[in-house]
C-alpha atoms as a PDB file:
ATOM      1  CA  MET A   1     141.161-103.449 -30.564  1.00  0.00           C
ATOM      2  CA  ASN A   2     141.562-104.771 -34.192  1.00  0.00           C
ATOM      3  CA  VAL A   3     144.868-104.032 -35.837  1.00  0.00           C
ATOM      4  CA  SER A   4     146.048-104.578 -39.560  1.00  0.00           C
ATOM      5  CA  LEU A   5     149.487-105.914 -39.717  1.00  0.00           C
ATOM      6  CA  THR A   6     149.800-104.551 -43.230  1.00  0.00           C
ATOM      7  CA  TRP A   7     148.698-101.014 -41.823  1.00  0.00           C
ATOM      8  CA  LEU A   8     151.126-101.625 -38.801  1.00  0.00           C
ATOM      9  CA  LYS A   9     154.047-102.371 -41.115  1.00  0.00           C
ATOM     10  CA  GLU A  10     153.459 -98.940 -42.681  1.00  0.00           C
ATOM     11  CA  ARG A  11     154.664 -97.223 -39.258  1.00  0.00           C
ATOM     12  CA  LEU A  12     157.890 -99.671 -38.291  1.00  0.00           C
ATOM     13  CA  ASP A  13     160.032-102.173 -39.764  1.00  0.00           C
ATOM     14  CA  PHE A  14     159.820-105.540 -37.654  1.00  0.00           C
ATOM     15  CA  GLY A  15     163.446-106.407 -39.148  1.00  0.00           C
ATOM     16  CA  SER A  16     164.171-110.092 -38.744  1.00  0.00           C
ATOM     17  CA  ARG A  17     161.589-110.473 -36.233  1.00  0.00           C
ATOM     18  CA  SER A  18     158.511-112.756 -36.931  1.00  0.00           C
ATOM     19  CA  LEU A  19     154.819-111.983 -36.180  1.00  0.00           C
ATOM     20  CA  GLU A  20     154.914-114.495 -33.296  1.00  0.00           C
ATOM     21  CA  GLU A  21     158.012-112.865 -31.785  1.00  0.00           C
ATOM     22  CA  VAL A  22     156.589-109.434 -32.141  1.00  0.00           C
ATOM     23  CA  CYS A  23     153.269-110.773 -30.486  1.00  0.00           C
ATOM     24  CA  ASP A  24     155.483-112.510 -27.844  1.00  0.00           C
ATOM     25  CA  LEU A  25     157.170-109.105 -27.065  1.00  0.00           C
ATOM     26  CA  LEU A  26     153.624-107.400 -26.670  1.00  0.00           C
ATOM     27  CA  THR A  27     152.572-110.037 -24.286  1.00  0.00           C
ATOM     28  CA  PHE A  28     155.827-109.786 -22.331  1.00  0.00           C
ATOM     29  CA  ALA A  29     155.162-105.972 -22.241  1.00  0.00           C
ATOM     30  CA  GLY A  30     151.793-106.520 -20.588  1.00  0.00           C
ATOM     31  CA  ILE A  31     149.806-106.035 -23.922  1.00  0.00           C
ATOM     32  CA  GLU A  32     147.598-109.279 -24.487  1.00  0.00           C
ATOM     33  CA  ILE A  33     147.261-110.745 -27.889  1.00  0.00           C
ATOM     34  CA  GLU A  34     143.848-112.128 -27.685  1.00  0.00           C
ATOM     35  CA  GLY A  35     144.091-113.880 -31.421  1.00  0.00           C
ATOM     36  CA  LEU A  36     145.695-113.491 -35.144  1.00  0.00           C
ATOM     37  CA  GLN A  37     143.014-113.891 -38.047  1.00  0.00           C
ATOM     38  CA  GLU A  38     144.288-114.437 -41.609  1.00  0.00           C
ATOM     39  CA  ILE A  39     142.692-112.035 -43.754  1.00  0.00           C
ATOM     40  CA  GLY A  40     142.630-112.776 -47.956  1.00  0.00           C
ATOM     41  CA  VAL A  41     142.041-115.742 -50.101  1.00  0.00           C
ATOM     42  CA  LYS A  42     144.516-118.720 -49.500  1.00  0.00           C
ATOM     43  CA  SER A  43     143.534-121.893 -51.466  1.00  0.00           C
ATOM     44  CA  ASP A  44     145.327-121.987 -54.847  1.00  0.00           C
ATOM     45  CA  GLN A  45     141.915-123.915 -55.941  1.00  0.00           C
ATOM     46  CA  ILE A  46     139.786-121.046 -55.765  1.00  0.00           C
ATOM     47  CA  VAL A  47     139.775-119.550 -59.492  1.00  0.00           C
ATOM     48  CA  VAL A  48     138.269-116.770 -61.609  1.00  0.00           C
ATOM     49  CA  ALA A  49     134.884-118.320 -63.219  1.00  0.00           C
ATOM     50  CA  GLU A  50     132.753-116.669 -66.126  1.00  0.00           C
ATOM     51  CA  ILE A  51     129.035-117.754 -65.739  1.00  0.00           C
ATOM     52  CA  LYS A  52     127.976-118.877 -68.975  1.00  0.00           C
ATOM     53  CA  GLU A  53     124.616-120.273 -68.740  1.00  0.00           C
ATOM     54  CA  ALA A  54     122.205-120.598 -65.696  1.00  0.00           C
ATOM     55  CA  VAL A  55     118.979-122.655 -65.936  1.00  0.00           C
ATOM     56  CA  GLN A  56     116.183-123.510 -63.445  1.00  0.00           C
ATOM     57  CA  HIS A  57     117.084-126.661 -61.160  1.00  0.00           C
ATOM     58  CA  PRO A  58     114.360-129.246 -62.283  1.00  0.00           C
ATOM     59  CA  ASP A  59     113.881-130.245 -58.403  1.00  0.00           C
ATOM     60  CA  ALA A  60     114.426-127.028 -56.689  1.00  0.00           C
ATOM     61  CA  ASP A  61     112.867-123.642 -56.906  1.00  0.00           C
ATOM     62  CA  ARG A  62     115.555-121.750 -55.148  1.00  0.00           C
ATOM     63  CA  LEU A  63     118.701-123.325 -57.139  1.00  0.00           C
ATOM     64  CA  LYS A  64     119.967-122.557 -60.522  1.00  0.00           C
ATOM     65  CA  VAL A  65     122.167-124.847 -62.477  1.00  0.00           C
ATOM     66  CA  THR A  66     125.045-122.751 -63.876  1.00  0.00           C
ATOM     67  CA  GLN A  67     127.516-123.671 -66.272  1.00  0.00           C
ATOM     68  CA  VAL A  68     130.809-121.528 -66.003  1.00  0.00           C
ATOM     69  CA  ASP A  69     133.871-121.011 -67.306  1.00  0.00           C
ATOM     70  CA  ALA A  70     136.921-121.503 -64.994  1.00  0.00           C
ATOM     71  CA  GLY A  71     139.731-121.810 -67.636  1.00  0.00           C
ATOM     72  CA  GLU A  72     139.507-125.674 -68.131  1.00  0.00           C
ATOM     73  CA  GLY A  73     138.866-125.918 -71.492  1.00  0.00           C
ATOM     74  CA  SER A  74     135.425-127.098 -71.013  1.00  0.00           C
ATOM     75  CA  LEU A  75     132.688-125.549 -68.983  1.00  0.00           C
ATOM     76  CA  ARG A  76     132.051-127.073 -65.379  1.00  0.00           C
ATOM     77  CA  GLN A  77     128.626-127.359 -64.010  1.00  0.00           C
ATOM     78  CA  ILE A  78     127.729-126.103 -60.498  1.00  0.00           C
ATOM     79  CA  VAL A  79     124.633-125.689 -58.633  1.00  0.00           C
ATOM     80  CA  CYS A  80     124.171-122.457 -56.997  1.00  0.00           C
ATOM     81  CA  GLY A  81     121.398-120.676 -54.867  1.00  0.00           C
ATOM     82  CA  ALA A  82     122.536-117.118 -55.017  1.00  0.00           C
ATOM     83  CA  THR A  83     120.777-114.501 -57.042  1.00  0.00           C
ATOM     84  CA  ASN A  84     122.655-111.467 -57.441  1.00  0.00           C
ATOM     85  CA  TYR A  85     124.584-112.625 -60.572  1.00  0.00           C
ATOM     86  CA  GLN A  86     124.059-111.895 -64.418  1.00  0.00           C
ATOM     87  CA  ILE A  87     125.348-114.274 -67.915  1.00  0.00           C
ATOM     88  CA  GLY A  88     128.911-113.076 -68.250  1.00  0.00           C
ATOM     89  CA  ASP A  89     129.883-112.131 -64.700  1.00  0.00           C
ATOM     90  CA  LYS A  90     133.196-113.522 -63.083  1.00  0.00           C
ATOM     91  CA  VAL A  91     132.973-114.813 -59.582  1.00  0.00           C
ATOM     92  CA  PRO A  92     135.094-117.158 -57.621  1.00  0.00           C
ATOM     93  CA  CYS A  93     134.710-120.758 -58.124  1.00  0.00           C
ATOM     94  CA  CYS A  94     135.976-123.100 -55.359  1.00  0.00           C
ATOM     95  CA  LEU A  95     137.305-126.370 -57.321  1.00  0.00           C
ATOM     96  CA  PRO A  96     137.102-129.693 -55.872  1.00  0.00           C
ATOM     97  CA  GLY A  97     140.032-129.738 -53.324  1.00  0.00           C
ATOM     98  CA  ALA A  98     139.597-126.214 -52.045  1.00  0.00           C
ATOM     99  CA  ASP A  99     139.925-125.905 -48.207  1.00  0.00           C
ATOM    100  CA  LEU A 100     137.792-122.938 -46.688  1.00  0.00           C
ATOM    101  CA  GLY A 101     139.252-123.018 -43.371  1.00  0.00           C
ATOM    102  CA  GLY A 102     138.761-126.785 -42.604  1.00  0.00           C
ATOM    103  CA  PHE A 103     135.804-127.145 -45.120  1.00  0.00           C
ATOM    104  CA  VAL A 104     137.202-128.832 -48.207  1.00  0.00           C
ATOM    105  CA  ILE A 105     135.011-128.512 -51.594  1.00  0.00           C
ATOM    106  CA  GLY A 106     134.156-131.551 -53.624  1.00  0.00           C
ATOM    107  CA  GLU A 107     131.935-133.107 -56.114  1.00  0.00           C
ATOM    108  CA  THR A 108     128.638-133.758 -55.117  1.00  0.00           C
ATOM    109  CA  LYS A 109     124.960-133.794 -56.187  1.00  0.00           C
ATOM    110  CA  MET A 110     122.273-131.369 -55.142  1.00  0.00           C
ATOM    111  CA  ARG A 111     118.685-132.686 -55.324  1.00  0.00           C
ATOM    112  CA  GLY A 112     119.885-134.987 -58.141  1.00  0.00           C
ATOM    113  CA  VAL A 113     121.769-132.868 -59.800  1.00  0.00           C
ATOM    114  CA  ALA A 114     125.740-133.197 -60.232  1.00  0.00           C
ATOM    115  CA  SER A 115     127.795-130.265 -58.964  1.00  0.00           C
ATOM    116  CA  LYS A 116     131.542-129.875 -59.186  1.00  0.00           C
ATOM    117  CA  GLY A 117     132.472-127.085 -57.170  1.00  0.00           C
ATOM    118  CA  MET A 118     131.027-124.096 -55.389  1.00  0.00           C
ATOM    119  CA  LEU A 119     130.557-120.440 -56.603  1.00  0.00           C
ATOM    120  CA  ALA A 120     131.613-118.149 -53.772  1.00  0.00           C
ATOM    121  CA  ALA A 121     130.266-115.157 -51.629  1.00  0.00           C
ATOM    122  CA  GLY A 122     133.159-112.981 -50.530  1.00  0.00           C
ATOM    123  CA  SER A 123     132.856-114.007 -46.503  1.00  0.00           C
ATOM    124  CA  GLU A 124     133.154-117.831 -47.787  1.00  0.00           C
ATOM    125  CA  ILE A 125     136.931-117.136 -49.036  1.00  0.00           C
ATOM    126  CA  GLY A 126     138.318-114.625 -46.672  1.00  0.00           C
ATOM    127  CA  LEU A 127     137.330-111.329 -48.219  1.00  0.00           C
ATOM    128  CA  GLN A 128     134.718-108.984 -47.166  1.00  0.00           C
ATOM    129  CA  ASP A 129     130.780-109.519 -48.376  1.00  0.00           C
ATOM    130  CA  GLU A 130     129.765-106.250 -50.404  1.00  0.00           C
ATOM    131  CA  VAL A 131     126.138-107.515 -51.210  1.00  0.00           C
ATOM    132  CA  ASP A 132     124.036-110.449 -50.130  1.00  0.00           C
ATOM    133  CA  GLY A 133     125.325-113.407 -52.575  1.00  0.00           C
ATOM    134  CA  LEU A 134     128.142-113.999 -54.774  1.00  0.00           C
ATOM    135  CA  LEU A 135     131.190-111.910 -55.045  1.00  0.00           C
ATOM    136  CA  ILE A 136     131.318-110.335 -58.494  1.00  0.00           C
ATOM    137  CA  LEU A 137     134.802-109.697 -59.642  1.00  0.00           C
ATOM    138  CA  LYS A 138     135.388-106.322 -61.387  1.00  0.00           C
ATOM    139  CA  THR A 139     138.149-107.624 -63.303  1.00  0.00           C
ATOM    140  CA  ASP A 140     139.643-108.491 -66.569  1.00  0.00           C
ATOM    141  CA  ALA A 141     141.555-111.495 -65.348  1.00  0.00           C
ATOM    142  CA  ALA A 142     141.101-114.357 -67.533  1.00  0.00           C
ATOM    143  CA  PRO A 143     138.729-117.429 -66.415  1.00  0.00           C
ATOM    144  CA  GLY A 144     141.324-119.631 -64.340  1.00  0.00           C
ATOM    145  CA  THR A 145     143.124-116.916 -62.849  1.00  0.00           C
ATOM    146  CA  LEU A 146     143.808-117.771 -59.165  1.00  0.00           C
ATOM    147  CA  VAL A 147     141.543-115.244 -57.184  1.00  0.00           C
ATOM    148  CA  LYS A 148     144.287-114.691 -54.359  1.00  0.00           C
ATOM    149  CA  THR A 149     146.396-112.723 -56.901  1.00  0.00           C
ATOM    150  CA  LEU A 150     143.710-110.319 -57.091  1.00  0.00           C
ATOM    151  CA  PHE A 151     143.442-109.436 -53.512  1.00  0.00           C
ATOM    152  CA  GLU A 152     145.893-108.352 -51.003  1.00  0.00           C
ATOM    153  CA  SER A 153     146.530-110.634 -47.784  1.00  0.00           C
ATOM    154  CA  ASP A 154     146.769-109.316 -44.408  1.00  0.00           C
ATOM    155  CA  THR A 155     146.641-110.621 -40.674  1.00  0.00           C
ATOM    156  CA  LEU A 156     144.378-109.191 -38.272  1.00  0.00           C
ATOM    157  CA  ILE A 157     145.648-108.994 -34.575  1.00  0.00           C
ATOM    158  CA  GLU A 158     143.421-108.252 -31.697  1.00  0.00           C
ATOM    159  CA  VAL A 159     144.907-106.703 -29.201  1.00  0.00           C
ATOM    160  CA  GLU A 160     143.526-106.267 -25.526  1.00  0.00           C
ATOM    161  CA  ILE A 161     144.185-102.839 -24.413  1.00  0.00           C
ATOM    162  CA  THR A 162     143.934-102.077 -20.351  1.00  0.00           C
ATOM    163  CA  PRO A 163     142.133 -99.082 -19.291  1.00  0.00           C
ATOM    164  CA  ASN A 164     145.691 -97.583 -18.059  1.00  0.00           C
ATOM    165  CA  ARG A 165     147.147 -97.391 -21.984  1.00  0.00           C
ATOM    166  CA  PRO A 166     144.712 -95.258 -23.673  1.00  0.00           C
ATOM    167  CA  ASP A 167     148.085 -94.307 -25.548  1.00  0.00           C
ATOM    168  CA  LEU A 168     147.811 -97.454 -27.575  1.00  0.00           C
ATOM    169  CA  LEU A 169     144.542 -97.404 -28.920  1.00  0.00           C
ATOM    170  CA  SER A 170     145.412 -96.841 -32.140  1.00  0.00           C
ATOM    171  CA  HIS A 171     147.938 -97.934 -35.158  1.00  0.00           C
ATOM    172  CA  SER A 172     150.357 -95.243 -34.348  1.00  0.00           C
ATOM    173  CA  GLY A 173     150.228 -96.078 -30.453  1.00  0.00           C
ATOM    174  CA  LEU A 174     150.946 -99.598 -31.011  1.00  0.00           C
ATOM    175  CA  ALA A 175     153.559 -98.863 -33.576  1.00  0.00           C
ATOM    176  CA  ARG A 176     155.434 -96.426 -31.175  1.00  0.00           C
ATOM    177  CA  GLU A 177     154.994 -99.019 -28.293  1.00  0.00           C
ATOM    178  CA  LEU A 178     156.744-101.676 -30.435  1.00  0.00           C
ATOM    179  CA  ALA A 179     159.563 -99.109 -31.880  1.00  0.00           C
ATOM    180  CA  ALA A 180     160.581 -98.929 -28.278  1.00  0.00           C
ATOM    181  CA  LEU A 181     160.722-102.788 -27.746  1.00  0.00           C
ATOM    182  CA  LEU A 182     162.222-103.613 -31.071  1.00  0.00           C
ATOM    183  CA  GLU A 183     164.784-100.366 -30.411  1.00  0.00           C
ATOM    184  CA  THR A 184     163.827 -99.143 -33.946  1.00  0.00           C
ATOM    185  CA  GLU A 185     162.355 -95.942 -35.540  1.00  0.00           C
ATOM    186  CA  MET A 186     158.784 -95.206 -36.232  1.00  0.00           C
ATOM    187  CA  SER A 187     158.005 -93.583 -39.651  1.00  0.00           C
ATOM    188  CA  PRO A 188     155.568 -90.462 -38.835  1.00  0.00           C
ATOM    189  CA  VAL A 189     152.065 -90.177 -40.422  1.00  0.00           C
ATOM    190  CA  LYS A 190     152.612 -88.840 -44.069  1.00  0.00           C
ATOM    191  CA  LYS A 191     151.078 -85.639 -44.547  1.00  0.00           C
ATOM    192  CA  ASN A 192     150.614 -84.980 -48.375  1.00  0.00           C
ATOM    193  CA  HIS A 193     148.101 -82.166 -48.457  1.00  0.00           C
ATOM    194  CA  PRO A 194     148.905 -79.187 -45.833  1.00  0.00           C
ATOM    195  CA  THR A 195     145.888 -77.283 -44.977  1.00  0.00           C
ATOM    196  CA  GLU A 196     146.040 -73.501 -44.537  1.00  0.00           C
ATOM    197  CA  LEU A 197     143.628 -72.682 -41.540  1.00  0.00           C
ATOM    198  CA  LYS A 198     141.613 -69.462 -41.297  1.00  0.00           C
ATOM    199  CA  GLU A 199     140.165 -67.785 -38.194  1.00  0.00           C
ATOM    200  CA  ASP A 200     136.428 -68.807 -37.294  1.00  0.00           C
ATOM    201  CA  ALA A 201     134.447 -66.169 -35.464  1.00  0.00           C
ATOM    202  CA  SER A 202     132.075 -68.853 -33.885  1.00  0.00           C
ATOM    203  CA  ALA A 203     133.134 -70.140 -30.640  1.00  0.00           C
ATOM    204  CA  VAL A 204     132.359 -73.406 -28.741  1.00  0.00           C
ATOM    205  CA  THR A 205     130.502 -73.096 -25.188  1.00  0.00           C
ATOM    206  CA  ALA A 206     131.768 -76.166 -23.121  1.00  0.00           C
ATOM    207  CA  GLY A 207     128.889 -76.264 -20.208  1.00  0.00           C
ATOM    208  CA  SER A 208     129.871 -79.171 -18.679  1.00  0.00           C
ATOM    209  CA  ASP A 209     132.218 -80.175 -15.845  1.00  0.00           C
ATOM    210  CA  THR A 210     132.551 -83.459 -17.579  1.00  0.00           C
ATOM    211  CA  CYS A 211     133.904 -81.639 -20.735  1.00  0.00           C
ATOM    212  CA  PRO A 212     136.046 -78.647 -19.956  1.00  0.00           C
ATOM    213  CA  PHE A 213     137.402 -78.330 -23.575  1.00  0.00           C
ATOM    214  CA  TYR A 214     135.628 -78.861 -27.073  1.00  0.00           C
ATOM    215  CA  SER A 215     136.681 -77.841 -30.290  1.00  0.00           C
ATOM    216  CA  LEU A 216     135.110 -77.688 -33.753  1.00  0.00           C
ATOM    217  CA  LEU A 217     136.514 -77.292 -36.980  1.00  0.00           C
ATOM    218  CA  SER A 218     134.631 -75.794 -39.743  1.00  0.00           C
ATOM    219  CA  ILE A 219     135.183 -77.356 -43.558  1.00  0.00           C
ATOM    220  CA  THR A 220     133.501 -75.949 -46.632  1.00  0.00           C
ATOM    221  CA  GLY A 221     133.192 -77.282 -49.900  1.00  0.00           C
ATOM    222  CA  VAL A 222     132.819 -80.979 -48.638  1.00  0.00           C
ATOM    223  CA  LYS A 223     130.716 -83.310 -51.003  1.00  0.00           C
ATOM    224  CA  VAL A 224     129.440 -86.310 -49.327  1.00  0.00           C
ATOM    225  CA  ALA A 225     130.455 -89.187 -51.546  1.00  0.00           C
ATOM    226  CA  PRO A 226     131.488 -92.854 -51.396  1.00  0.00           C
ATOM    227  CA  SER A 227     135.123 -92.944 -50.137  1.00  0.00           C
ATOM    228  CA  THR A 228     138.371 -93.457 -52.387  1.00  0.00           C
ATOM    229  CA  ALA A 229     139.870 -96.936 -52.798  1.00  0.00           C
ATOM    230  CA  TRP A 230     142.624 -96.787 -50.153  1.00  0.00           C
ATOM    231  CA  LEU A 231     140.165 -95.490 -47.421  1.00  0.00           C
ATOM    232  CA  CYS A 232     137.857 -98.266 -47.876  1.00  0.00           C
ATOM    233  CA  LYS A 233     140.786-100.573 -47.850  1.00  0.00           C
ATOM    234  CA  LYS A 234     141.987 -99.267 -44.640  1.00  0.00           C
ATOM    235  CA  LEU A 235     138.680 -99.617 -42.514  1.00  0.00           C
ATOM    236  CA  GLU A 236     137.737-102.858 -44.024  1.00  0.00           C
ATOM    237  CA  SER A 237     141.099-104.278 -43.133  1.00  0.00           C
ATOM    238  CA  ILE A 238     140.307-104.176 -39.477  1.00  0.00           C
ATOM    239  CA  GLY A 239     136.594-104.803 -40.036  1.00  0.00           C
ATOM    240  CA  LEU A 240     134.862-101.823 -40.281  1.00  0.00           C
ATOM    241  CA  ARG A 241     132.335-100.907 -42.952  1.00  0.00           C
ATOM    242  CA  PRO A 242     132.953 -97.944 -45.295  1.00  0.00           C
ATOM    243  CA  ILE A 243     129.750 -95.606 -45.090  1.00  0.00           C
ATOM    244  CA  ASN A 244     131.049 -92.206 -46.889  1.00  0.00           C
ATOM    245  CA  ASN A 245     134.012 -89.993 -47.147  1.00  0.00           C
ATOM    246  CA  VAL A 246     133.270 -87.918 -44.197  1.00  0.00           C
ATOM    247  CA  VAL A 247     132.212 -90.485 -41.588  1.00  0.00           C
ATOM    248  CA  ASP A 248     135.097 -93.013 -42.712  1.00  0.00           C
ATOM    249  CA  ILE A 249     138.047 -90.230 -42.565  1.00  0.00           C
ATOM    250  CA  THR A 250     137.094 -89.810 -38.991  1.00  0.00           C
ATOM    251  CA  ASN A 251     137.013 -93.460 -38.456  1.00  0.00           C
ATOM    252  CA  TYR A 252     140.415 -93.551 -40.212  1.00  0.00           C
ATOM    253  CA  VAL A 253     142.012 -90.532 -37.986  1.00  0.00           C
ATOM    254  CA  LEU A 254     140.597 -92.374 -34.928  1.00  0.00           C
ATOM    255  CA  HIS A 255     142.422 -95.684 -35.686  1.00  0.00           C
ATOM    256  CA  GLU A 256     145.266 -94.347 -37.134  1.00  0.00           C
ATOM    257  CA  ILE A 257     146.450 -91.843 -34.221  1.00  0.00           C
ATOM    258  CA  GLY A 258     143.785 -92.008 -31.804  1.00  0.00           C
ATOM    259  CA  GLN A 259     141.712 -88.889 -32.109  1.00  0.00           C
ATOM    260  CA  PRO A 260     138.412 -89.506 -31.763  1.00  0.00           C
ATOM    261  CA  LEU A 261     136.333 -87.228 -34.076  1.00  0.00           C
ATOM    262  CA  HIS A 262     132.743 -86.779 -35.242  1.00  0.00           C
ATOM    263  CA  ALA A 263     131.222 -84.910 -37.931  1.00  0.00           C
ATOM    264  CA  PHE A 264     128.407 -82.544 -37.927  1.00  0.00           C
ATOM    265  CA  ARG A 265     126.230 -81.284 -40.801  1.00  0.00           C
ATOM    266  CA  VAL A 266     126.060 -77.742 -41.064  1.00  0.00           C
ATOM    267  CA  GLY A 267     122.825 -77.844 -42.677  1.00  0.00           C
ATOM    268  CA  LEU A 268     121.141 -79.466 -39.923  1.00  0.00           C
ATOM    269  CA  ARG A 269     121.814 -76.323 -37.453  1.00  0.00           C
ATOM    270  CA  ASP A 270     122.857 -72.726 -38.289  1.00  0.00           C
ATOM    271  CA  LEU A 271     126.339 -72.499 -36.793  1.00  0.00           C
ATOM    272  CA  GLY A 272     126.476 -69.042 -37.395  1.00  0.00           C
ATOM    273  CA  ALA A 273     122.812 -68.008 -35.838  1.00  0.00           C
ATOM    274  CA  GLU A 274     124.647 -68.763 -32.212  1.00  0.00           C
ATOM    275  CA  PRO A 275     127.908 -70.416 -30.793  1.00  0.00           C
ATOM    276  CA  PRO A 276     127.539 -74.037 -30.630  1.00  0.00           C
ATOM    277  CA  ARG A 277     127.330 -75.682 -27.182  1.00  0.00           C
ATOM    278  CA  ALA A 278     128.473 -78.778 -25.817  1.00  0.00           C
ATOM    279  CA  LYS A 279     126.490 -80.124 -22.781  1.00  0.00           C
ATOM    280  CA  ASN A 280     125.584 -83.501 -20.955  1.00  0.00           C
ATOM    281  CA  LEU A 281     122.829 -85.374 -22.616  1.00  0.00           C
ATOM    282  CA  LYS A 282     119.715 -85.891 -20.021  1.00  0.00           C
ATOM    283  CA  PRO A 283     119.300 -89.349 -18.678  1.00  0.00           C
ATOM    284  CA  SER A 284     117.495 -91.585 -21.101  1.00  0.00           C
ATOM    285  CA  MET A 285     117.783 -89.333 -23.951  1.00  0.00           C
ATOM    286  CA  LYS A 286     117.548 -90.995 -27.258  1.00  0.00           C
ATOM    287  CA  LYS A 287     119.982 -89.936 -29.863  1.00  0.00           C
ATOM    288  CA  PRO A 288     119.763 -91.169 -33.679  1.00  0.00           C
ATOM    289  CA  THR A 289     122.976 -92.609 -35.056  1.00  0.00           C
ATOM    290  CA  ILE A 290     123.911 -93.431 -38.765  1.00  0.00           C
ATOM    291  CA  SER A 291     123.417 -96.852 -38.225  1.00  0.00           C
ATOM    292  CA  LYS A 292     119.499 -96.223 -38.293  1.00  0.00           C
ATOM    293  CA  ILE A 293     119.369 -97.151 -34.435  1.00  0.00           C
ATOM    294  CA  SER A 294     118.899 -95.152 -31.314  1.00  0.00           C
ATOM    295  CA  ILE A 295     121.022 -95.180 -28.323  1.00  0.00           C
ATOM    296  CA  VAL A 296     119.778 -94.182 -24.909  1.00  0.00           C
ATOM    297  CA  SER A 297     122.017 -92.183 -22.466  1.00  0.00           C
ATOM    298  CA  SER A 298     122.399 -93.766 -18.955  1.00  0.00           C
ATOM    299  CA  LEU A 299     124.932 -91.772 -17.459  1.00  0.00           C
ATOM    300  CA  THR A 300     125.296 -87.821 -17.468  1.00  0.00           C
ATOM    301  CA  ASN A 301     128.933 -87.500 -16.383  1.00  0.00           C
ATOM    302  CA  LEU A 302     129.917 -89.585 -19.409  1.00  0.00           C
ATOM    303  CA  ALA A 303     131.829 -87.655 -22.187  1.00  0.00           C
ATOM    304  CA  HIS A 304     133.915 -90.006 -24.544  1.00  0.00           C
ATOM    305  CA  PRO A 305     133.030 -91.213 -28.098  1.00  0.00           C
ATOM    306  CA  SER A 306     131.601 -94.467 -29.432  1.00  0.00           C
ATOM    307  CA  PRO A 307     133.200 -95.088 -32.756  1.00  0.00           C
ATOM    308  CA  SER A 308     131.223 -98.335 -33.657  1.00  0.00           C
ATOM    309  CA  LEU A 309     127.883 -96.513 -33.445  1.00  0.00           C
ATOM    310  CA  GLU A 310     129.197 -93.307 -34.792  1.00  0.00           C
ATOM    311  CA  SER A 311     127.705 -91.013 -32.035  1.00  0.00           C
ATOM    312  CA  TRP A 312     128.643 -89.155 -28.776  1.00  0.00           C
ATOM    313  CA  VAL A 313     127.287 -91.246 -25.580  1.00  0.00           C
ATOM    314  CA  GLY A 314     126.653 -88.876 -22.530  1.00  0.00           C
ATOM    315  CA  LEU A 315     127.561 -85.563 -24.633  1.00  0.00           C
ATOM    316  CA  THR A 316     125.841 -83.401 -27.484  1.00  0.00           C
ATOM    317  CA  VAL A 317     126.441 -80.395 -29.303  1.00  0.00           C
ATOM    318  CA  GLU A 318     123.397 -77.810 -30.328  1.00  0.00           C
END
């Protein structure tokens, strides 16, 4: 399970304990830490650069020779293979000496043309890739500004949760465990907008021994749209790709408090015509997912969610 250190610290204070000490506490409590990954731009040699010119490389069809303003008082020439930029765009520029996780950028020649640095994609400097190509910076920052000042840094903690501790499969669950180990208090999840629930005449029929209880909540007035920035940032911090506000909020709830959720579109079936019915999938039945792939049920007695596929494995609602 991926855990964001920044997200975790919203729930409790480590006090004087370092991250290494906290990881040792978890390990001694039987919760294995499989790895730590630094997220964010680390190098001071990665700056904002504005693309001023891009001409065809004289000896390579897929390369362009760019002139960029990196805040140095004169333009810097960099050979680039990306195609998703326009003149005037601001992008990350890795100056000679920039360390990209063991690979140090230097001045070189590409097919006989001098290149004094590298224009970078998000994944090359410790960020998420939004598109295939350069990271286009939506910022008013002046050329030469350190890119690290534009993005928050974080640490991704990879935790191995054993089958007997499903209570730890969320940030709240891990924060609760750490609060006990650190002998401190855990902050509750903030609820900024209380919701009033109304009675719904529809009832869910759970026609399966493996699923004795199933509940649905009908929400009206929802418009499917891109998620807000805070929600996208939460999901991206643990390596998930935002899809839309409805799907993303179910994933957020899962990773915040450990409650699996799935959203159904009312338009795909008339919920008022007959009560929804939860039942086992038939063996080898295919179910489409948001990721445009199909999963095949191999067990009829499996009733748990598969968050990464955004679908239910072994259980369907009709």
